[in-house]
Each structure stands twice: as C-alpha cells, then as structure tokens.
Amino acid sequence: MGIPSEMRDFWANGRRTNPFPIASPAEERRIQAARNCTQEGVRAGAKAAAIACVASAVPTLAACRMVPWAKANLNYTAQALIISAASIAAYFITADKTILECARRNTQYDKTT
C-alpha cells in the first residue's frame, strides 16, 4: 500500500520547482532581505541567549550552594531547567523582535494610493 515511487517522486519534485524559472529583480531583493532578516535575528538571539545563560547560571548555581532551601530542593536537573528556560526564552524573544524590526524596516509602502 502507499504511493508508488514514480508518482511520489513526481509530486516531490513538482513541489520544489519554481513556477517562474527566472525571478524578477524585485523578488530577488525581497528574498535576500528576508534571508538577511532571518540571519540577523539568529545572530541577535544567540547573543541574547548567551548573556541570559550566564546571567541565570551564576545566581542559580550560587543559590544552590549557599541557600539552604535551594540546596535541599534544586537538584541538577532543576538547575539545568532554570538556566535553559532563561536562555531559550531570551533567544526566541530577541530573535522575534529583531526579525519583526528588520521586516518593518524593509517594508515598502506604495503611497500613491
């Protein structure tokens, strides 16, 4: 049962091909701007995640050594979850904000209407 391999290959290759073989210069600029926005967002997100990792690791690890409640209740898994949650949140929030800001900057409105 299933899809025959010839038909599957035809559908898979047909979906990948561009209906317009030659993109217009305006379309190429838009694609390049989108790619640059994404790369800029990833870079900014990685920087924010690294900063958040250090900023959350230092107090978490210090508290687990000095605060009696934290020493008793936060095992290694809990410490890792606290640190990684802060890093992941910082990455996605910063990447999202950067990509949206870059997209707004690249948006061109037609003011003739």
C-alpha atoms as a PDB file:
ATOM      1  CA  MET A   1       0.000   0.000   0.000  1.00  0.00           C
ATOM      2  CA  GLY A   2       1.024   3.599  -0.297  1.00  0.00           C
ATOM      3  CA  ILE A   3       2.068   5.881  -3.091  1.00  0.00           C
ATOM      4  CA  PRO A   4       4.079   4.371  -5.958  1.00  0.00           C
ATOM      5  CA  SER A   5       7.627   5.660  -6.041  1.00  0.00           C
ATOM      6  CA  GLU A   6       7.326   7.236  -9.503  1.00  0.00           C
ATOM      7  CA  MET A   7       4.270   9.222  -8.504  1.00  0.00           C
ATOM      8  CA  ARG A   8       5.839  10.216  -5.181  1.00  0.00           C
ATOM      9  CA  ASP A   9       8.995  11.452  -6.912  1.00  0.00           C
ATOM     10  CA  PHE A  10       6.947  13.403  -9.464  1.00  0.00           C
ATOM     11  CA  TRP A  11       4.942  15.148  -6.724  1.00  0.00           C
ATOM     12  CA  ALA A  12       8.003  15.835  -4.587  1.00  0.00           C
ATOM     13  CA  ASN A  13       9.980  17.303  -7.484  1.00  0.00           C
ATOM     14  CA  GLY A  14       6.973  19.225  -8.775  1.00  0.00           C
ATOM     15  CA  ARG A  15       6.505  20.980  -5.447  1.00  0.00           C
ATOM     16  CA  ARG A  16      10.120  22.111  -5.284  1.00  0.00           C
ATOM     17  CA  THR A  17      10.312  23.674  -8.702  1.00  0.00           C
ATOM     18  CA  ASN A  18       9.566  27.344  -9.023  1.00  0.00           C
ATOM     19  CA  PRO A  19       6.622  28.111 -11.325  1.00  0.00           C
ATOM     20  CA  PHE A  20       8.556  31.155 -12.552  1.00  0.00           C
ATOM     21  CA  PRO A  21      12.015  29.980 -13.638  1.00  0.00           C
ATOM     22  CA  ILE A  22      13.537  33.469 -13.571  1.00  0.00           C
ATOM     23  CA  ALA A  23      12.738  35.687 -10.605  1.00  0.00           C
ATOM     24  CA  SER A  24      12.333  39.399 -11.110  1.00  0.00           C
ATOM     25  CA  PRO A  25      14.965  41.681  -9.535  1.00  0.00           C
ATOM     26  CA  ALA A  26      12.369  42.991  -7.088  1.00  0.00           C
ATOM     27  CA  GLU A  27      11.540  39.465  -5.991  1.00  0.00           C
ATOM     28  CA  GLU A  28      15.217  38.605  -5.612  1.00  0.00           C
ATOM     29  CA  ARG A  29      15.691  41.701  -3.427  1.00  0.00           C
ATOM     30  CA  ARG A  30      12.747  40.654  -1.253  1.00  0.00           C
ATOM     31  CA  ILE A  31      14.098  37.122  -0.886  1.00  0.00           C
ATOM     32  CA  GLN A  32      17.560  38.431   0.006  1.00  0.00           C
ATOM     33  CA  ALA A  33      16.102  40.926   2.501  1.00  0.00           C
ATOM     34  CA  ALA A  34      14.097  38.132   4.169  1.00  0.00           C
ATOM     35  CA  ARG A  35      17.197  35.936   4.347  1.00  0.00           C
ATOM     36  CA  ASN A  36      19.213  38.796   5.874  1.00  0.00           C
ATOM     37  CA  CYS A  37      16.464  39.489   8.421  1.00  0.00           C
ATOM     38  CA  THR A  38      16.461  35.853   9.474  1.00  0.00           C
ATOM     39  CA  GLN A  39      20.239  35.739   9.827  1.00  0.00           C
ATOM     40  CA  GLU A  40      20.220  38.981  11.787  1.00  0.00           C
ATOM     41  CA  GLY A  41      17.557  37.565  14.107  1.00  0.00           C
ATOM     42  CA  VAL A  42      19.502  34.368  14.685  1.00  0.00           C
ATOM     43  CA  ARG A  43      22.670  36.317  15.490  1.00  0.00           C
ATOM     44  CA  ALA A  44      20.889  38.635  17.929  1.00  0.00           C
ATOM     45  CA  GLY A  45      19.063  35.702  19.532  1.00  0.00           C
ATOM     46  CA  ALA A  46      22.270  33.745  20.040  1.00  0.00           C
ATOM     47  CA  LYS A  47      23.923  36.734  21.694  1.00  0.00           C
ATOM     48  CA  ALA A  48      20.937  37.251  23.985  1.00  0.00           C
ATOM     49  CA  ALA A  49      20.818  33.541  24.847  1.00  0.00           C
ATOM     50  CA  ALA A  50      24.497  33.514  25.785  1.00  0.00           C
ATOM     51  CA  ILE A  51      24.066  36.558  28.015  1.00  0.00           C
ATOM     52  CA  ALA A  52      20.922  35.107  29.599  1.00  0.00           C
ATOM     53  CA  CYS A  53      22.692  31.802  30.203  1.00  0.00           C
ATOM     54  CA  VAL A  54      25.462  33.464  32.184  1.00  0.00           C
ATOM     55  CA  ALA A  55      23.062  35.855  33.902  1.00  0.00           C
ATOM     56  CA  SER A  56      20.854  32.981  35.084  1.00  0.00           C
ATOM     57  CA  ALA A  57      23.583  30.411  35.769  1.00  0.00           C
ATOM     58  CA  VAL A  58      25.593  32.495  38.199  1.00  0.00           C
ATOM     59  CA  PRO A  59      22.787  33.207  40.691  1.00  0.00           C
ATOM     60  CA  THR A  60      21.242  29.752  40.280  1.00  0.00           C
ATOM     61  CA  LEU A  61      24.463  27.908  40.990  1.00  0.00           C
ATOM     62  CA  ALA A  62      25.402  30.306  43.789  1.00  0.00           C
ATOM     63  CA  ALA A  63      21.986  29.895  45.414  1.00  0.00           C
ATOM     64  CA  CYS A  64      22.237  26.108  45.228  1.00  0.00           C
ATOM     65  CA  ARG A  65      25.470  26.267  47.207  1.00  0.00           C
ATOM     66  CA  MET A  66      24.529  28.906  49.786  1.00  0.00           C
ATOM     67  CA  VAL A  67      20.741  28.985  50.285  1.00  0.00           C
ATOM     68  CA  PRO A  68      19.537  26.055  52.399  1.00  0.00           C
ATOM     69  CA  TRP A  69      16.144  25.751  50.648  1.00  0.00           C
ATOM     70  CA  ALA A  70      17.731  25.728  47.195  1.00  0.00           C
ATOM     71  CA  LYS A  71      20.385  23.265  48.322  1.00  0.00           C
ATOM     72  CA  ALA A  72      17.708  20.889  49.573  1.00  0.00           C
ATOM     73  CA  ASN A  73      15.181  21.241  46.737  1.00  0.00           C
ATOM     74  CA  LEU A  74      17.021  22.028  43.480  1.00  0.00           C
ATOM     75  CA  ASN A  75      18.815  19.030  42.016  1.00  0.00           C
ATOM     76  CA  TYR A  76      20.984  19.184  38.870  1.00  0.00           C
ATOM     77  CA  THR A  77      18.000  18.749  36.579  1.00  0.00           C
ATOM     78  CA  ALA A  78      16.153  21.664  38.156  1.00  0.00           C
ATOM     79  CA  GLN A  79      19.220  23.865  37.865  1.00  0.00           C
ATOM     80  CA  ALA A  80      19.637  22.967  34.204  1.00  0.00           C
ATOM     81  CA  LEU A  81      15.951  23.653  33.535  1.00  0.00           C
ATOM     82  CA  ILE A  82      16.141  27.089  35.141  1.00  0.00           C
ATOM     83  CA  ILE A  83      19.209  28.047  33.138  1.00  0.00           C
ATOM     84  CA  SER A  84      17.985  26.617  29.827  1.00  0.00           C
ATOM     85  CA  ALA A  85      14.500  28.130  30.199  1.00  0.00           C
ATOM     86  CA  ALA A  86      16.002  31.579  30.568  1.00  0.00           C
ATOM     87  CA  SER A  87      18.300  31.041  27.594  1.00  0.00           C
ATOM     88  CA  ILE A  88      15.559  29.674  25.334  1.00  0.00           C
ATOM     89  CA  ALA A  89      13.171  32.481  26.225  1.00  0.00           C
ATOM     90  CA  ALA A  90      15.828  35.114  25.591  1.00  0.00           C
ATOM     91  CA  TYR A  91      16.703  33.563  22.223  1.00  0.00           C
ATOM     92  CA  PHE A  92      13.169  33.398  20.883  1.00  0.00           C
ATOM     93  CA  ILE A  93      12.048  36.779  22.204  1.00  0.00           C
ATOM     94  CA  THR A  94      15.107  38.560  20.843  1.00  0.00           C
ATOM     95  CA  ALA A  95      15.076  36.749  17.505  1.00  0.00           C
ATOM     96  CA  ASP A  96      11.376  37.508  17.045  1.00  0.00           C
ATOM     97  CA  LYS A  97      11.791  41.190  17.884  1.00  0.00           C
ATOM     98  CA  THR A  98      14.805  41.518  15.595  1.00  0.00           C
ATOM     99  CA  ILE A  99      13.132  39.805  12.648  1.00  0.00           C
ATOM    100  CA  LEU A 100       9.980  41.923  13.014  1.00  0.00           C
ATOM    101  CA  GLU A 101      12.003  45.132  13.295  1.00  0.00           C
ATOM    102  CA  CYS A 102      14.019  44.220  10.214  1.00  0.00           C
ATOM    103  CA  ALA A 103      10.856  43.347   8.295  1.00  0.00           C
ATOM    104  CA  ARG A 104       9.320  46.713   9.194  1.00  0.00           C
ATOM    105  CA  ARG A 105      12.472  48.432   8.045  1.00  0.00           C
ATOM    106  CA  ASN A 106      12.375  46.609   4.699  1.00  0.00           C
ATOM    107  CA  THR A 107       8.671  47.126   4.067  1.00  0.00           C
ATOM    108  CA  GLN A 108       7.941  49.466   1.207  1.00  0.00           C
ATOM    109  CA  TYR A 109       4.515  51.050   1.041  1.00  0.00           C
ATOM    110  CA  ASP A 110       3.078  52.417  -2.172  1.00  0.00           C
ATOM    111  CA  LYS A 111       1.978  55.916  -1.154  1.00  0.00           C
ATOM    112  CA  THR A 112       0.384  56.754  -4.498  1.00  0.00           C
ATOM    113  CA  THR A 113      -2.986  55.295  -3.471  1.00  0.00           C
END
